[in-house]
Amino acid sequence: MTAEIRPRALLEWAIAGAALDGQESGDLHLVTPLPHGALVALIDGLGHGPDAAEAARQAVSLLLERPHASVGQLFEHCHEGLRKTRGAVMSVAMLDSRHSTIAWCGVGNVEGVLLPSTPGRKRSAIACRGGVVGYRLPPLKVDTLPLFPHDLLVFVTDGIGDGFIQSIPAEASPQLIADTVLAECGKRSDDALVLVVRYLGAVP
């Protein structure tokens, strides 16, 4: 009998979140594989409750319509598609396993940090410009950085307090990291969501 050989995963990831006062959360995530990488996003619909959740759901749908577009094109597509909603703030990252790079950008206060897996490399923060996707899209700043196996990408919405980086147990599993950041830094005065992605390296 020949053993089944399964392809190695490109990523391992996890989320942890909480909605304000038991309402429907306006914070949503997206992690979708691509032939040579993955599209990763964290979205915060403006405000709270069902209208915020609807804006976030529409943003996810719009991203999935054009998953192979560039990061800048994805923001422009979402901006047009969200004009009749409350709008959203969001951060988007495109992981490219062919070139071992990450291209990322943020609009609004969805923070992101890339934590290196090897010593001697500095952590990097996503460049977020003020604005609201669907209402006022600022000039975008898309940065492209090298990506190495076991680098850690962490996105948080504004329901997570400042200093969340200090709460990251970098060697732990993505789920433990997400749970720890939410437990230690969640504000409990807003929807909150933590998305943790560990890049495992190019799939052979």
C-alpha atoms as a PDB file:
ATOM      1  CA  MET A   1       0.000   0.000   0.000  1.00  0.00           C
ATOM      2  CA  THR A   2       1.324   3.435  -0.936  1.00  0.00           C
ATOM      3  CA  ALA A   3       1.098   6.037   1.785  1.00  0.00           C
ATOM      4  CA  GLU A   4      -0.741   9.231   0.939  1.00  0.00           C
ATOM      5  CA  ILE A   5       1.593  12.193   0.651  1.00  0.00           C
ATOM      6  CA  ARG A   6      -0.098  15.421   1.639  1.00  0.00           C
ATOM      7  CA  PRO A   7       1.388  18.770   0.625  1.00  0.00           C
ATOM      8  CA  ARG A   8       2.875  20.748   3.463  1.00  0.00           C
ATOM      9  CA  ALA A   9       0.853  23.760   4.524  1.00  0.00           C
ATOM     10  CA  LEU A  10       2.119  27.242   3.750  1.00  0.00           C
ATOM     11  CA  LEU A  11       0.676  28.777   6.914  1.00  0.00           C
ATOM     12  CA  GLU A  12      -0.666  27.996  10.313  1.00  0.00           C
ATOM     13  CA  TRP A  13      -3.041  30.550  11.750  1.00  0.00           C
ATOM     14  CA  ALA A  14      -5.641  31.265  14.405  1.00  0.00           C
ATOM     15  CA  ILE A  15      -7.999  33.970  15.637  1.00  0.00           C
ATOM     16  CA  ALA A  16      -9.422  35.088  18.976  1.00  0.00           C
ATOM     17  CA  GLY A  17     -12.154  37.682  19.312  1.00  0.00           C
ATOM     18  CA  ALA A  18     -14.938  39.139  21.398  1.00  0.00           C
ATOM     19  CA  ALA A  19     -18.006  41.191  20.468  1.00  0.00           C
ATOM     20  CA  LEU A  20     -19.146  44.230  22.456  1.00  0.00           C
ATOM     21  CA  ASP A  21     -21.983  43.411  24.862  1.00  0.00           C
ATOM     22  CA  GLY A  22     -22.826  40.194  23.068  1.00  0.00           C
ATOM     23  CA  GLN A  23     -23.719  41.969  19.827  1.00  0.00           C
ATOM     24  CA  GLU A  24     -22.793  40.735  16.377  1.00  0.00           C
ATOM     25  CA  SER A  25     -19.124  41.587  15.911  1.00  0.00           C
ATOM     26  CA  GLY A  26     -18.099  44.083  13.250  1.00  0.00           C
ATOM     27  CA  ASP A  27     -14.577  42.635  13.223  1.00  0.00           C
ATOM     28  CA  LEU A  28     -13.859  39.921  10.650  1.00  0.00           C
ATOM     29  CA  HIS A  29     -10.814  38.170   9.223  1.00  0.00           C
ATOM     30  CA  LEU A  30      -9.855  36.585   5.930  1.00  0.00           C
ATOM     31  CA  VAL A  31      -7.161  33.984   5.285  1.00  0.00           C
ATOM     32  CA  THR A  32      -7.402  32.436   1.835  1.00  0.00           C
ATOM     33  CA  PRO A  33      -4.756  30.330   0.070  1.00  0.00           C
ATOM     34  CA  LEU A  34      -3.543  31.235  -3.406  1.00  0.00           C
ATOM     35  CA  PRO A  35      -1.522  29.104  -5.844  1.00  0.00           C
ATOM     36  CA  HIS A  36       1.715  30.757  -4.729  1.00  0.00           C
ATOM     37  CA  GLY A  37       0.885  32.299  -1.386  1.00  0.00           C
ATOM     38  CA  ALA A  38      -2.042  33.617   0.581  1.00  0.00           C
ATOM     39  CA  LEU A  39      -4.254  36.655   1.053  1.00  0.00           C
ATOM     40  CA  VAL A  40      -4.655  37.744   4.668  1.00  0.00           C
ATOM     41  CA  ALA A  41      -6.847  40.568   5.969  1.00  0.00           C
ATOM     42  CA  LEU A  42      -8.387  41.924   9.145  1.00  0.00           C
ATOM     43  CA  ILE A  43     -11.440  44.173   8.802  1.00  0.00           C
ATOM     44  CA  ASP A  44     -13.248  46.399  11.308  1.00  0.00           C
ATOM     45  CA  GLY A  45     -16.648  47.676  10.178  1.00  0.00           C
ATOM     46  CA  LEU A  46     -17.212  51.218  11.416  1.00  0.00           C
ATOM     47  CA  GLY A  47     -19.066  51.378  14.706  1.00  0.00           C
ATOM     48  CA  HIS A  48     -20.764  48.384  16.302  1.00  0.00           C
ATOM     49  CA  GLY A  49     -23.615  45.980  15.788  1.00  0.00           C
ATOM     50  CA  PRO A  50     -25.329  44.652  12.661  1.00  0.00           C
ATOM     51  CA  ASP A  51     -24.448  47.574  10.356  1.00  0.00           C
ATOM     52  CA  ALA A  52     -20.777  47.295  11.224  1.00  0.00           C
ATOM     53  CA  ALA A  53     -20.917  43.528  10.729  1.00  0.00           C
ATOM     54  CA  GLU A  54     -22.578  43.960   7.323  1.00  0.00           C
ATOM     55  CA  ALA A  55     -19.845  46.355   6.170  1.00  0.00           C
ATOM     56  CA  ALA A  56     -17.171  43.884   7.287  1.00  0.00           C
ATOM     57  CA  ARG A  57     -18.907  40.970   5.541  1.00  0.00           C
ATOM     58  CA  GLN A  58     -19.131  42.958   2.323  1.00  0.00           C
ATOM     59  CA  ALA A  59     -15.431  43.789   2.568  1.00  0.00           C
ATOM     60  CA  VAL A  60     -14.585  40.083   2.858  1.00  0.00           C
ATOM     61  CA  SER A  61     -16.771  39.291  -0.167  1.00  0.00           C
ATOM     62  CA  LEU A  62     -15.139  42.061  -2.204  1.00  0.00           C
ATOM     63  CA  LEU A  63     -11.652  40.792  -1.362  1.00  0.00           C
ATOM     64  CA  LEU A  64     -12.639  37.292  -2.440  1.00  0.00           C
ATOM     65  CA  GLU A  65     -13.882  38.614  -5.782  1.00  0.00           C
ATOM     66  CA  ARG A  66     -10.319  39.577  -6.772  1.00  0.00           C
ATOM     67  CA  PRO A  67      -7.910  37.531  -4.651  1.00  0.00           C
ATOM     68  CA  HIS A  68      -5.129  37.726  -7.240  1.00  0.00           C
ATOM     69  CA  ALA A  69      -5.176  41.530  -7.489  1.00  0.00           C
ATOM     70  CA  SER A  70      -2.444  43.650  -5.938  1.00  0.00           C
ATOM     71  CA  VAL A  71      -2.905  45.032  -2.435  1.00  0.00           C
ATOM     72  CA  GLY A  72      -3.514  48.522  -3.789  1.00  0.00           C
ATOM     73  CA  GLN A  73      -6.103  47.253  -6.271  1.00  0.00           C
ATOM     74  CA  LEU A  74      -7.877  45.345  -3.505  1.00  0.00           C
ATOM     75  CA  PHE A  75      -8.261  48.506  -1.437  1.00  0.00           C
ATOM     76  CA  GLU A  76      -9.615  50.426  -4.428  1.00  0.00           C
ATOM     77  CA  HIS A  77     -12.090  47.628  -5.199  1.00  0.00           C
ATOM     78  CA  CYS A  78     -13.292  47.542  -1.602  1.00  0.00           C
ATOM     79  CA  HIS A  79     -13.543  51.331  -1.484  1.00  0.00           C
ATOM     80  CA  GLU A  80     -15.941  51.376  -4.442  1.00  0.00           C
ATOM     81  CA  GLY A  81     -17.923  48.410  -3.154  1.00  0.00           C
ATOM     82  CA  LEU A  82     -18.384  49.767   0.380  1.00  0.00           C
ATOM     83  CA  ARG A  83     -19.675  53.234  -0.526  1.00  0.00           C
ATOM     84  CA  LYS A  84     -23.264  52.341   0.443  1.00  0.00           C
ATOM     85  CA  THR A  85     -22.225  50.879   3.791  1.00  0.00           C
ATOM     86  CA  ARG A  86     -20.814  52.421   6.952  1.00  0.00           C
ATOM     87  CA  GLY A  87     -17.374  51.685   5.580  1.00  0.00           C
ATOM     88  CA  ALA A  88     -14.539  49.863   7.257  1.00  0.00           C
ATOM     89  CA  VAL A  89     -10.944  50.125   8.318  1.00  0.00           C
ATOM     90  CA  MET A  90      -8.728  47.241   7.320  1.00  0.00           C
ATOM     91  CA  SER A  91      -5.259  45.872   6.857  1.00  0.00           C
ATOM     92  CA  VAL A  92      -4.393  43.551   3.977  1.00  0.00           C
ATOM     93  CA  ALA A  93      -1.318  41.416   3.356  1.00  0.00           C
ATOM     94  CA  MET A  94      -0.336  39.370   0.326  1.00  0.00           C
ATOM     95  CA  LEU A  95       2.152  36.586   1.076  1.00  0.00           C
ATOM     96  CA  ASP A  96       4.145  35.459  -1.958  1.00  0.00           C
ATOM     97  CA  SER A  97       5.931  32.130  -1.488  1.00  0.00           C
ATOM     98  CA  ARG A  98       7.624  32.327  -4.907  1.00  0.00           C
ATOM     99  CA  HIS A  99       9.611  35.420  -3.957  1.00  0.00           C
ATOM    100  CA  SER A 100       9.421  34.990  -0.155  1.00  0.00           C
ATOM    101  CA  THR A 101       7.876  38.417   0.333  1.00  0.00           C
ATOM    102  CA  ILE A 102       4.947  40.045   2.057  1.00  0.00           C
ATOM    103  CA  ALA A 103       3.241  43.116   0.580  1.00  0.00           C
ATOM    104  CA  TRP A 104       0.946  44.869   3.045  1.00  0.00           C
ATOM    105  CA  CYS A 105      -0.953  48.067   3.714  1.00  0.00           C
ATOM    106  CA  GLY A 106      -3.472  49.432   6.199  1.00  0.00           C
ATOM    107  CA  VAL A 107      -6.204  52.056   6.226  1.00  0.00           C
ATOM    108  CA  GLY A 108      -7.423  53.097   9.647  1.00  0.00           C
ATOM    109  CA  ASN A 109      -6.555  51.639  13.006  1.00  0.00           C
ATOM    110  CA  VAL A 110      -6.134  47.933  12.313  1.00  0.00           C
ATOM    111  CA  GLU A 111      -2.558  47.374  13.426  1.00  0.00           C
ATOM    112  CA  GLY A 112      -0.173  44.749  12.155  1.00  0.00           C
ATOM    113  CA  VAL A 113       3.293  43.614  13.095  1.00  0.00           C
ATOM    114  CA  LEU A 114       5.711  41.157  11.487  1.00  0.00           C
ATOM    115  CA  LEU A 115       7.911  39.429  14.046  1.00  0.00           C
ATOM    116  CA  PRO A 116      11.084  37.846  12.642  1.00  0.00           C
ATOM    117  CA  SER A 117      11.905  34.244  13.370  1.00  0.00           C
ATOM    118  CA  THR A 118      15.669  34.756  13.270  1.00  0.00           C
ATOM    119  CA  PRO A 119      17.902  36.963  15.428  1.00  0.00           C
ATOM    120  CA  GLY A 120      19.359  40.146  14.008  1.00  0.00           C
ATOM    121  CA  ARG A 121      16.231  41.157  12.108  1.00  0.00           C
ATOM    122  CA  LYS A 122      13.979  43.891  13.432  1.00  0.00           C
ATOM    123  CA  ARG A 123      10.245  43.595  13.729  1.00  0.00           C
ATOM    124  CA  SER A 124       8.221  45.624  11.226  1.00  0.00           C
ATOM    125  CA  ALA A 125       4.899  47.431  11.673  1.00  0.00           C
ATOM    126  CA  ILE A 126       2.342  47.900   8.946  1.00  0.00           C
ATOM    127  CA  ALA A 127       2.017  51.432   7.549  1.00  0.00           C
ATOM    128  CA  CYS A 128      -1.558  52.524   8.300  1.00  0.00           C
ATOM    129  CA  ARG A 129      -2.944  55.718   6.780  1.00  0.00           C
ATOM    130  CA  GLY A 130      -5.908  57.539   8.288  1.00  0.00           C
ATOM    131  CA  GLY A 131      -9.171  57.042   6.432  1.00  0.00           C
ATOM    132  CA  VAL A 132     -12.190  54.812   5.965  1.00  0.00           C
ATOM    133  CA  VAL A 133     -12.547  52.350   3.096  1.00  0.00           C
ATOM    134  CA  GLY A 134     -15.841  53.233   1.412  1.00  0.00           C
ATOM    135  CA  TYR A 135     -15.783  56.847   2.567  1.00  0.00           C
ATOM    136  CA  ARG A 136     -12.341  58.419   2.305  1.00  0.00           C
ATOM    137  CA  LEU A 137      -9.484  56.388   0.862  1.00  0.00           C
ATOM    138  CA  PRO A 138      -6.101  58.008   1.578  1.00  0.00           C
ATOM    139  CA  PRO A 139      -3.014  57.692  -0.626  1.00  0.00           C
ATOM    140  CA  LEU A 140      -1.915  54.124  -0.030  1.00  0.00           C
ATOM    141  CA  LYS A 141       1.531  53.059   1.133  1.00  0.00           C
ATOM    142  CA  VAL A 142       2.144  49.425   0.233  1.00  0.00           C
ATOM    143  CA  ASP A 143       5.377  48.070   1.659  1.00  0.00           C
ATOM    144  CA  THR A 144       7.055  44.872   0.468  1.00  0.00           C
ATOM    145  CA  LEU A 145       9.286  43.028   2.910  1.00  0.00           C
ATOM    146  CA  PRO A 146      11.267  39.778   2.822  1.00  0.00           C
ATOM    147  CA  LEU A 147       9.561  36.823   4.445  1.00  0.00           C
ATOM    148  CA  PHE A 148      11.337  33.933   6.120  1.00  0.00           C
ATOM    149  CA  PRO A 149      10.098  30.572   7.420  1.00  0.00           C
ATOM    150  CA  HIS A 150       8.410  30.849  10.826  1.00  0.00           C
ATOM    151  CA  ASP A 151       8.041  34.642  10.680  1.00  0.00           C
ATOM    152  CA  LEU A 152       4.962  35.658  12.640  1.00  0.00           C
ATOM    153  CA  LEU A 153       2.299  38.081  11.428  1.00  0.00           C
ATOM    154  CA  VAL A 154      -0.088  39.539  14.018  1.00  0.00           C
ATOM    155  CA  PHE A 155      -3.061  41.787  13.173  1.00  0.00           C
ATOM    156  CA  VAL A 156      -5.313  43.399  15.804  1.00  0.00           C
ATOM    157  CA  THR A 157      -8.357  45.665  15.658  1.00  0.00           C
ATOM    158  CA  ASP A 158      -8.734  48.694  17.910  1.00  0.00           C
ATOM    159  CA  GLY A 159     -10.460  46.616  20.556  1.00  0.00           C
ATOM    160  CA  ILE A 160      -6.960  45.472  21.505  1.00  0.00           C
ATOM    161  CA  GLY A 161      -4.974  47.931  23.600  1.00  0.00           C
ATOM    162  CA  ASP A 162      -1.569  49.442  22.971  1.00  0.00           C
ATOM    163  CA  GLY A 163       1.395  47.349  23.982  1.00  0.00           C
ATOM    164  CA  PHE A 164      -0.061  44.100  22.675  1.00  0.00           C
ATOM    165  CA  ILE A 165       3.331  43.198  21.225  1.00  0.00           C
ATOM    166  CA  GLN A 166       4.675  42.690  24.741  1.00  0.00           C
ATOM    167  CA  SER A 167       1.977  40.056  25.311  1.00  0.00           C
ATOM    168  CA  ILE A 168       3.013  37.896  22.362  1.00  0.00           C
ATOM    169  CA  PRO A 169       4.622  34.574  23.361  1.00  0.00           C
ATOM    170  CA  ALA A 170       6.365  34.347  19.992  1.00  0.00           C
ATOM    171  CA  GLU A 171       7.334  30.661  20.219  1.00  0.00           C
ATOM    172  CA  ALA A 172       3.824  29.516  21.104  1.00  0.00           C
ATOM    173  CA  SER A 173       1.166  28.206  18.737  1.00  0.00           C
ATOM    174  CA  PRO A 174      -0.889  30.795  16.808  1.00  0.00           C
ATOM    175  CA  GLN A 175      -3.980  29.920  18.847  1.00  0.00           C
ATOM    176  CA  LEU A 176      -2.205  30.398  22.166  1.00  0.00           C
ATOM    177  CA  ILE A 177      -0.768  33.710  20.957  1.00  0.00           C
ATOM    178  CA  ALA A 178      -4.176  34.968  19.820  1.00  0.00           C
ATOM    179  CA  ASP A 179      -5.860  33.877  23.054  1.00  0.00           C
ATOM    180  CA  THR A 180      -3.120  35.469  25.173  1.00  0.00           C
ATOM    181  CA  VAL A 181      -3.242  38.827  23.371  1.00  0.00           C
ATOM    182  CA  LEU A 182      -7.046  38.955  23.642  1.00  0.00           C
ATOM    183  CA  ALA A 183      -7.037  38.013  27.328  1.00  0.00           C
ATOM    184  CA  GLU A 184      -4.291  40.435  28.327  1.00  0.00           C
ATOM    185  CA  CYS A 185      -5.013  43.383  26.023  1.00  0.00           C
ATOM    186  CA  GLY A 186      -8.698  43.223  25.079  1.00  0.00           C
ATOM    187  CA  LYS A 187     -10.417  46.496  26.037  1.00  0.00           C
ATOM    188  CA  ARG A 188     -13.932  45.061  26.572  1.00  0.00           C
ATOM    189  CA  SER A 189     -15.301  48.450  25.404  1.00  0.00           C
ATOM    190  CA  ASP A 190     -15.253  47.571  21.709  1.00  0.00           C
ATOM    191  CA  ASP A 191     -15.332  44.622  19.348  1.00  0.00           C
ATOM    192  CA  ALA A 192     -11.914  42.984  19.365  1.00  0.00           C
ATOM    193  CA  LEU A 193     -10.177  40.527  17.072  1.00  0.00           C
ATOM    194  CA  VAL A 194      -6.659  39.106  16.913  1.00  0.00           C
ATOM    195  CA  LEU A 195      -5.363  37.269  13.854  1.00  0.00           C
ATOM    196  CA  VAL A 196      -2.071  35.378  14.093  1.00  0.00           C
ATOM    197  CA  VAL A 197      -0.382  33.855  11.036  1.00  0.00           C
ATOM    198  CA  ARG A 198       2.880  31.920  11.051  1.00  0.00           C
ATOM    199  CA  TYR A 199       4.540  31.555   7.641  1.00  0.00           C
ATOM    200  CA  LEU A 200       5.981  28.056   7.319  1.00  0.00           C
ATOM    201  CA  GLY A 201       7.922  28.610   4.117  1.00  0.00           C
ATOM    202  CA  ALA A 202       7.425  27.881   0.444  1.00  0.00           C
ATOM    203  CA  VAL A 203       5.595  24.668  -0.330  1.00  0.00           C
ATOM    204  CA  PRO A 204       7.893  22.372  -2.382  1.00  0.00           C
END
